[in-house]
Protein backbone atom coordinates (compact mmCIF):
# COMPACT_ATOMS: atom_id res chain seq x y z
CA UNK A 1 -3.00 33.97 11.67
CA UNK A 2 -5.72 31.74 12.85
CA UNK A 3 -4.64 28.23 13.71
CA UNK A 4 -7.20 26.80 11.17
CA UNK A 5 -5.50 29.17 8.40
CA UNK A 6 -2.12 27.87 9.42
CA UNK A 7 -3.44 24.28 9.03
CA UNK A 8 -4.60 25.03 5.44
CA UNK A 9 -1.46 26.80 4.44
CA UNK A 10 0.64 23.90 5.51
CA UNK A 11 -1.27 21.52 3.34
CA UNK A 12 -1.08 24.00 0.48
CA UNK A 13 2.68 24.04 0.69
CA UNK A 14 2.85 20.29 0.30
CA UNK A 15 0.57 19.73 -2.60
CA UNK A 16 2.00 17.06 -4.78
CA UNK A 17 2.73 17.54 -8.51
CA UNK A 18 3.79 14.78 -10.56
CA UNK A 19 3.31 13.06 -14.09
CA UNK A 20 2.18 9.61 -15.37
CA UNK A 21 5.56 7.72 -16.31
CA UNK A 22 3.59 4.79 -17.81
CA UNK A 23 -0.12 4.26 -18.27
CA UNK A 24 -0.96 0.43 -18.48
CA UNK A 25 -4.15 -1.37 -19.09
CA UNK A 26 -5.02 -5.25 -19.67
CA UNK A 27 -7.51 -7.92 -19.52
CA UNK A 28 -7.68 -11.33 -17.62
CA UNK A 29 -5.24 -14.00 -19.06
CA UNK A 30 -4.61 -17.48 -18.18
CA UNK A 31 -2.53 -17.30 -14.87
CA UNK A 32 -2.33 -20.67 -13.23
CA UNK A 33 -2.54 -24.30 -14.01
CA UNK A 34 -5.95 -24.49 -12.16
CA UNK A 35 -7.42 -22.09 -14.52
CA UNK A 36 -7.01 -18.97 -12.50
CA UNK A 37 -7.23 -15.93 -14.56
CA UNK A 38 -5.63 -12.53 -13.70
CA UNK A 39 -5.15 -9.11 -15.23
CA UNK A 40 -2.09 -8.28 -13.44
CA UNK A 41 0.13 -8.57 -16.53
CA UNK A 42 -0.96 -5.14 -17.90
CA UNK A 43 0.47 -3.37 -21.01
CA UNK A 44 1.64 0.08 -21.56
CA UNK A 45 -0.17 2.30 -23.79
CA UNK A 46 1.03 5.40 -25.79
CA UNK A 47 -2.45 7.08 -26.32
CA UNK A 48 -5.27 8.77 -24.18
CA UNK A 49 -7.62 6.12 -22.57
CA UNK A 50 -11.10 7.14 -21.16
CA UNK A 51 -11.36 6.86 -17.47
CA UNK A 52 -14.76 5.92 -16.09
CA UNK A 53 -15.99 5.44 -12.65
CA UNK A 54 -14.97 1.70 -12.65
CA UNK A 55 -11.49 2.06 -14.30
CA UNK A 56 -9.99 2.78 -17.67
CA UNK A 57 -11.83 1.87 -20.89
CA UNK A 58 -10.61 -1.62 -22.05
CA UNK A 59 -9.06 -2.68 -18.58
CA UNK A 60 -10.68 -5.39 -16.75
CA UNK A 61 -10.22 -7.54 -13.54
CA UNK A 62 -10.48 -11.24 -13.44
CA UNK A 63 -12.39 -11.60 -10.13
CA UNK A 64 -14.87 -8.67 -9.65
CA UNK A 65 -15.58 -9.96 -6.13
CA UNK A 66 -12.41 -8.80 -4.63
CA UNK A 67 -10.93 -6.65 -7.42
CA UNK A 68 -12.12 -3.63 -9.43
CA UNK A 69 -15.25 -1.68 -8.55
CA UNK A 70 -15.59 2.07 -7.59
CA UNK A 71 -13.14 1.92 -4.86
CA UNK A 72 -10.74 0.31 -6.92
CA UNK A 73 -11.03 1.88 -10.19
CA UNK A 74 -7.24 2.91 -10.78
CA UNK A 75 -4.30 1.02 -9.14
CA UNK A 76 -1.33 3.38 -8.61
CA UNK A 77 2.06 2.32 -7.67
CA UNK A 78 4.96 4.58 -6.76
CA UNK A 79 8.01 4.44 -9.21
CA UNK A 80 10.40 4.97 -6.27
CA UNK A 81 9.92 1.53 -4.90
CA UNK A 82 11.28 -0.28 -7.95
CA UNK A 83 15.18 0.49 -7.05
CA UNK A 84 14.10 -0.88 -3.52
CA UNK A 85 12.59 -4.06 -4.79
CA UNK A 86 15.83 -4.61 -7.20
CA UNK A 87 17.86 -4.01 -4.04
CA UNK A 88 15.66 -6.52 -2.22
CA UNK A 89 16.19 -9.39 -4.83
CA UNK A 90 19.84 -8.29 -5.31
CA UNK A 91 20.43 -9.22 -1.64
CA UNK A 92 19.45 -12.67 -2.42
CA UNK A 93 21.65 -12.56 -5.64
CA UNK A 94 18.64 -12.40 -7.90
CA UNK A 95 17.74 -10.04 -10.75
CA UNK A 96 14.02 -10.24 -11.37
CA UNK A 97 13.20 -9.44 -15.00
CA UNK A 98 9.81 -7.98 -14.15
CA UNK A 99 11.46 -5.08 -12.40
CA UNK A 100 13.01 -3.96 -15.71
CA UNK A 101 9.74 -1.89 -16.56
CA UNK A 102 6.67 -0.51 -14.85
CA UNK A 103 3.83 -2.85 -14.38
CA UNK A 104 5.44 -5.45 -12.31
CA UNK A 105 2.88 -4.91 -9.57
CA UNK A 106 -0.12 -4.79 -11.84
CA UNK A 107 -0.47 -1.11 -11.52
CA UNK A 108 -2.35 1.29 -14.07
CA UNK A 109 -0.36 4.12 -13.23
CA UNK A 110 3.45 4.43 -12.38
CA UNK A 111 4.54 7.57 -11.17
CA UNK A 112 6.82 9.20 -8.62
CA UNK A 113 5.73 11.14 -5.67
CA UNK A 114 2.81 9.05 -4.66
CA UNK A 115 4.38 7.32 -1.80
CA UNK A 116 2.38 5.74 0.84
CA UNK A 117 3.78 8.10 3.49
CA UNK A 118 2.69 11.32 1.53
CA UNK A 119 -0.78 10.65 0.28
CA UNK A 120 -3.83 10.50 2.56
CA UNK A 121 -7.19 8.86 2.15
CA UNK A 122 -9.30 11.38 0.61
CA UNK A 123 -6.66 13.23 -1.17
CA UNK A 124 -7.92 14.46 -4.55
CA UNK A 125 -5.82 14.75 -7.75
CA UNK A 126 -6.48 15.94 -11.22
CA UNK A 127 -5.00 13.49 -13.79
CA UNK A 128 -5.53 14.44 -17.43
CA UNK A 129 -9.25 15.53 -17.62
CA UNK A 130 -10.10 13.08 -14.86
CA UNK A 131 -10.48 14.00 -11.05
CA UNK A 132 -9.77 11.19 -8.73
CA UNK A 133 -9.47 10.38 -4.87
CA UNK A 134 -7.16 8.10 -2.91
CA UNK A 135 -9.63 5.40 -1.51
CA UNK A 136 -7.29 2.65 0.13
CA UNK A 137 -3.90 0.91 -0.18
CA UNK A 138 -3.52 -2.16 -2.27
CA UNK A 139 -3.55 -5.48 -0.29
CA UNK A 140 -1.27 -8.06 -2.08
CA UNK A 141 -2.37 -11.75 -2.31
CA UNK A 142 -1.15 -15.09 -3.49
CA UNK A 143 -1.29 -13.83 -6.99
CA UNK A 144 1.60 -11.40 -6.65
CA UNK A 145 3.71 -14.27 -5.47
CA UNK A 146 2.57 -16.45 -8.29
CA UNK A 147 3.16 -13.40 -10.91
CA UNK A 148 6.67 -12.97 -9.67
CA UNK A 149 7.30 -16.70 -9.14
CA UNK A 150 8.67 -15.91 -5.78
CA UNK A 151 7.14 -17.30 -2.64
CA UNK A 152 6.69 -14.80 0.22
CA UNK A 153 6.64 -11.56 -1.98
CA UNK A 154 3.18 -10.71 -0.64
CA UNK A 155 4.45 -10.86 2.93
CA UNK A 156 7.33 -8.87 1.91
CA UNK A 157 5.13 -6.08 0.46
CA UNK A 158 2.93 -6.05 3.58
CA UNK A 159 6.21 -5.92 5.88
CA UNK A 160 7.79 -3.27 3.92
CA UNK A 161 4.66 -1.14 3.49
CA UNK A 162 5.39 -0.62 -0.21
CA UNK A 163 1.73 -1.36 -1.24
CA UNK A 164 0.58 1.19 -3.81
CA UNK A 165 -3.03 2.19 -3.54
CA UNK A 166 -6.24 2.87 -5.25
CA UNK A 167 -8.12 5.75 -6.63
CA UNK A 168 -11.98 6.20 -7.12
CA UNK A 169 -13.16 8.31 -9.82
CA UNK A 170 -14.97 11.56 -9.00
CA UNK A 171 -14.91 13.25 -12.36
CA UNK A 172 -14.34 10.98 -15.60
CA UNK A 173 -12.35 12.08 -18.54
CA UNK A 174 -9.55 11.12 -20.84
CA UNK A 175 -5.94 10.42 -19.20
CA UNK A 176 -2.84 9.89 -21.24
CA UNK A 177 0.79 8.87 -20.55
CA UNK A 178 2.62 12.13 -19.69
CA UNK A 179 -0.35 13.65 -18.05
CA UNK A 180 0.36 15.83 -15.09
CA UNK A 181 -0.85 14.42 -11.52
CA UNK A 182 -1.83 17.69 -9.71
CA UNK A 183 -3.11 17.65 -6.22
CA UNK A 184 -6.16 19.75 -5.80
CA UNK A 185 -7.28 18.77 -2.10
CA UNK A 186 -5.40 17.51 0.99
CA UNK A 187 -7.38 15.55 3.30
CA UNK A 188 -7.31 17.34 6.61
CA UNK A 189 -6.35 14.33 8.85
CA UNK A 190 -3.26 12.08 9.45
CA UNK A 191 -4.62 8.82 7.81
CA UNK A 192 -1.96 8.41 5.25
CA UNK A 193 -1.99 5.18 3.00
CA UNK A 194 0.81 3.88 4.83
CA UNK A 195 -0.75 4.35 8.52
CA UNK A 196 -4.09 2.88 7.25
CA UNK A 197 -2.27 -0.09 5.65
CA UNK A 198 -0.23 -0.62 8.87
CA UNK A 199 -3.18 -0.69 11.16
CA UNK A 200 -5.55 -2.69 8.93
CA UNK A 201 -3.03 -5.04 7.02
CA UNK A 202 0.39 -4.92 8.44
CA UNK A 203 -0.47 -5.99 12.17
CA UNK A 204 -1.00 -2.61 13.46
CA UNK A 205 -4.40 -3.56 15.11
CA UNK A 206 -2.52 -5.57 17.76
CA UNK A 207 -0.79 -2.63 19.15
CA UNK A 208 -1.92 -1.07 22.39
CA UNK A 209 -4.66 1.43 21.97
CA UNK A 210 -5.39 0.20 18.35
CA UNK A 211 -9.03 -0.17 19.25
CA UNK A 212 -9.84 3.53 19.42
CA UNK A 213 -7.84 4.11 16.19
CA UNK A 214 -9.72 1.42 14.35
CA UNK A 215 -13.09 3.05 15.54
CA UNK A 216 -11.92 6.38 14.17
CA UNK A 217 -10.82 5.07 11.05
CA UNK A 218 -14.22 3.35 10.55
CA UNK A 219 -15.83 6.64 10.45
CA UNK A 220 -13.68 7.85 7.73
CA UNK A 221 -16.04 8.54 4.98
CA UNK A 222 -13.42 8.63 2.14
CA UNK A 223 -11.98 5.46 3.23
CA UNK A 224 -13.27 2.41 0.88
CA UNK A 225 -16.34 0.65 2.25
CA UNK A 226 -14.56 -2.66 2.47
CA UNK A 227 -11.55 -1.21 4.61
CA UNK A 228 -13.84 0.67 6.98
CA UNK A 229 -15.93 -2.67 7.36
CA UNK A 230 -12.52 -4.30 8.21
CA UNK A 231 -11.81 -1.65 10.79
CA UNK A 232 -15.17 -2.34 12.57
CA UNK A 233 -14.53 -6.12 12.44
CA UNK A 234 -10.96 -5.90 13.75
CA UNK A 235 -12.24 -3.44 16.53
CA UNK A 236 -15.17 -5.81 17.45
CA UNK A 237 -12.68 -8.61 17.87
CA UNK A 238 -10.42 -6.66 20.63
CA UNK A 239 -11.26 -6.44 24.39
CA UNK A 240 -11.82 -3.28 26.41
């Protein structure tokens, strides 16, 4: 069998098949005493919701400069991470009520099988009637700390790599809780969300040989534009 065929068969055997455990949407609400708004506290829905190019109908972001848009249309977060975060807080003798149900990290879709080490930038999935593509990981900020009331949680997310990610929408359509998440295309490279996140956000750019990786990542057309720009910027700051 030709090597190219072996490569394609390997990907076909590892296609992901999952389903939506919880579908959540929300609108900006008062978040901080200084007047800052946030849509992180999304609410589960029990009905089909239309998914357009910029996200679910009725779902909004508070700051469109850094959130939302075509490359961040749908935020997904692996359900497998919840037990790990529960254990993280338990080690500090703390039970956090937000972890009792999906949505603690502001995700639109909670599902198993979409962990950062498995999904690649450019992987495509049929979810309900919509077709989506992995565009980038989710970079946490101070709002996650404030949402949980835990200083340093965003740093813990970065250090653990349990970031979740974003889909862009290739084909619009209705999506409902319980709908299957079927991988239709596996990107033919090794840029998983985990590897990409570590290089661009988790400090991997400081490692030896990172400049060539950054340059390669900057040419990955399926990567979100803002992260390709970041790759170029980080590479430009390095010697050699």
